[in-house]
Amino acid sequence: MNTRAITAGAGVTPAQGREAQWYEFYRALAERNFVRAGDLAGQLNVDAKRVRRIRRDAVRQFMAEYQNYEGAARLIAEYGLTAEEVRELADELAVRPELASKQTFSLQSGSPAHLSVAEQIRRFAGKQIEST
């Protein structure tokens, strides 16, 4: 369901449009679409701490589940995560047994290698921390 399509309809009051945004926010959380939920949370003036947690969840998801480090780097920059926050996320993820045992192919280091996802996250976080 597209919020814009809902609010663009004739006869939709601002309150109904806001209600639709809240619906979309909770739906995004339920579907683990943290990027969308974080964007909506900002629009809905959700508590700043909660917005920060949702956005950290988005970065965590890009790093651990998607192994999309370019996307994670963009989110880190967009959300203004600090070096300490990036370090905390990497430390949380590095101790997960499923990430330590899962081997994937990587070109991050400049040469091809099979690394654990946990090791790729550590390397990625190190680069992010250096650049902040």
Protein backbone atom coordinates (compact mmCIF):
# COMPACT_ATOMS: atom_id res chain seq x y z
CA MET A 1 0.00 0.00 0.00
CA ASN A 2 1.38 3.37 -1.00
CA THR A 3 0.89 6.19 1.52
CA ARG A 4 1.09 8.81 -1.20
CA ALA A 5 -1.68 7.07 -3.12
CA ILE A 6 -3.83 6.99 -0.01
CA THR A 7 -3.34 10.66 0.87
CA ALA A 8 -3.63 11.80 -2.76
CA GLY A 9 -7.21 10.52 -2.95
CA ALA A 10 -10.11 12.98 -2.99
CA GLY A 11 -11.69 13.70 0.38
CA VAL A 12 -8.76 12.46 2.49
CA THR A 13 -8.25 14.64 5.51
CA PRO A 14 -4.80 15.34 6.96
CA ALA A 15 -5.75 13.23 10.00
CA GLN A 16 -6.57 10.28 7.75
CA GLY A 17 -3.29 10.76 5.90
CA ARG A 18 -1.41 10.77 9.20
CA GLU A 19 -3.26 7.66 10.29
CA ALA A 20 -2.18 5.99 7.06
CA GLN A 21 1.44 6.98 7.78
CA TRP A 22 1.23 5.39 11.23
CA TYR A 23 -0.20 2.27 9.65
CA GLU A 24 2.69 2.20 7.16
CA PHE A 25 5.18 2.78 9.99
CA TYR A 26 3.95 -0.23 11.98
CA ARG A 27 3.68 -2.30 8.84
CA ALA A 28 7.28 -1.49 7.92
CA LEU A 29 8.42 -2.53 11.41
CA ALA A 30 6.46 -5.78 11.21
CA GLU A 31 8.00 -6.55 7.81
CA ARG A 32 11.49 -5.67 9.11
CA ASN A 33 11.79 -2.86 6.55
CA PHE A 34 13.84 -0.70 8.89
CA VAL A 35 14.88 1.88 6.30
CA ARG A 36 11.24 2.63 5.52
CA ALA A 37 10.27 2.56 9.21
CA GLY A 38 13.11 4.96 10.04
CA ASP A 39 12.05 7.39 7.33
CA LEU A 40 8.44 7.31 8.47
CA ALA A 41 9.45 7.63 12.13
CA GLY A 42 11.26 10.86 11.28
CA GLN A 43 8.19 12.20 9.47
CA LEU A 44 5.90 11.21 12.33
CA ASN A 45 8.05 12.89 14.99
CA VAL A 46 8.62 9.62 16.83
CA ASP A 47 10.85 9.85 19.90
CA ALA A 48 14.44 10.54 18.79
CA LYS A 49 15.82 7.53 20.72
CA ARG A 50 13.39 5.20 18.99
CA VAL A 51 14.22 6.66 15.57
CA ARG A 52 17.93 6.11 16.33
CA ARG A 53 17.29 2.47 17.33
CA ILE A 54 15.30 1.82 14.15
CA ARG A 55 18.01 3.38 12.01
CA ARG A 56 20.68 1.33 13.76
CA ASP A 57 18.56 -1.74 13.04
CA ALA A 58 18.58 -0.75 9.36
CA VAL A 59 22.37 -0.51 9.32
CA ARG A 60 22.66 -3.80 11.25
CA GLN A 61 20.38 -5.45 8.69
CA PHE A 62 22.43 -4.17 5.74
CA MET A 63 25.64 -5.38 7.36
CA ALA A 64 24.59 -8.78 8.69
CA GLU A 65 21.64 -9.99 6.65
CA TYR A 66 22.28 -8.39 3.26
CA GLN A 67 26.07 -8.05 3.50
CA ASN A 68 25.53 -4.86 1.52
CA TYR A 69 28.40 -2.77 2.83
CA GLU A 70 28.01 0.00 0.27
CA GLY A 71 24.39 0.44 1.33
CA ALA A 72 25.39 0.27 5.01
CA ALA A 73 28.02 2.96 4.44
CA ARG A 74 25.44 5.23 2.82
CA LEU A 75 23.02 4.69 5.70
CA ILE A 76 25.76 5.37 8.25
CA ALA A 77 26.51 8.67 6.53
CA GLU A 78 22.83 9.60 6.06
CA TYR A 79 21.90 8.76 9.64
CA GLY A 80 25.01 10.38 11.10
CA LEU A 81 26.09 7.34 13.11
CA THR A 82 29.20 7.96 15.16
CA ALA A 83 32.35 5.87 15.06
CA GLU A 84 31.42 4.51 18.48
CA GLU A 85 27.98 3.42 17.23
CA VAL A 86 29.55 1.67 14.23
CA ARG A 87 32.04 -0.05 16.54
CA GLU A 88 29.21 -1.19 18.85
CA LEU A 89 27.22 -2.60 15.93
CA ALA A 90 30.26 -4.44 14.58
CA ASP A 91 31.07 -5.85 18.03
CA GLU A 92 27.47 -7.05 18.45
CA LEU A 93 27.52 -8.78 15.09
CA ALA A 94 31.03 -10.22 15.31
CA VAL A 95 30.12 -12.47 18.23
CA ARG A 96 27.11 -14.06 16.51
CA PRO A 97 28.00 -17.71 15.84
CA GLU A 98 25.99 -17.85 12.61
CA LEU A 99 28.02 -14.94 11.19
CA ALA A 100 31.37 -16.30 12.38
CA SER A 101 30.77 -19.67 10.73
CA LYS A 102 29.28 -18.43 7.44
CA GLN A 103 31.97 -18.06 4.79
CA THR A 104 31.46 -15.78 1.79
CA PHE A 105 33.56 -14.56 -1.09
CA SER A 106 34.96 -11.07 -0.63
CA LEU A 107 36.90 -8.50 -2.59
CA GLN A 108 36.86 -5.93 0.22
CA SER A 109 40.55 -6.28 0.97
CA GLY A 110 41.48 -5.68 -2.66
CA SER A 111 42.24 -9.34 -3.33
CA PRO A 112 39.77 -12.22 -3.55
CA ALA A 113 39.30 -14.21 -0.35
CA HIS A 114 36.81 -16.35 1.51
CA LEU A 115 36.06 -14.67 4.81
CA SER A 116 33.48 -15.13 7.48
CA VAL A 117 30.68 -12.59 7.47
CA ALA A 118 31.83 -11.54 10.95
CA GLU A 119 35.33 -10.80 9.62
CA GLN A 120 33.91 -8.82 6.69
CA ILE A 121 31.83 -6.77 9.13
CA ARG A 122 34.91 -6.11 11.30
CA ARG A 123 36.88 -4.93 8.27
CA PHE A 124 34.02 -2.80 7.00
CA ALA A 125 33.53 -1.20 10.43
CA GLY A 126 37.26 -0.50 10.69
CA LYS A 127 37.18 1.35 7.38
CA GLN A 128 34.09 3.30 8.43
CA ILE A 129 35.65 4.28 11.73
CA GLU A 130 38.83 5.44 9.98
CA SER A 131 36.84 7.63 7.59
CA THR A 132 34.84 9.41 10.34
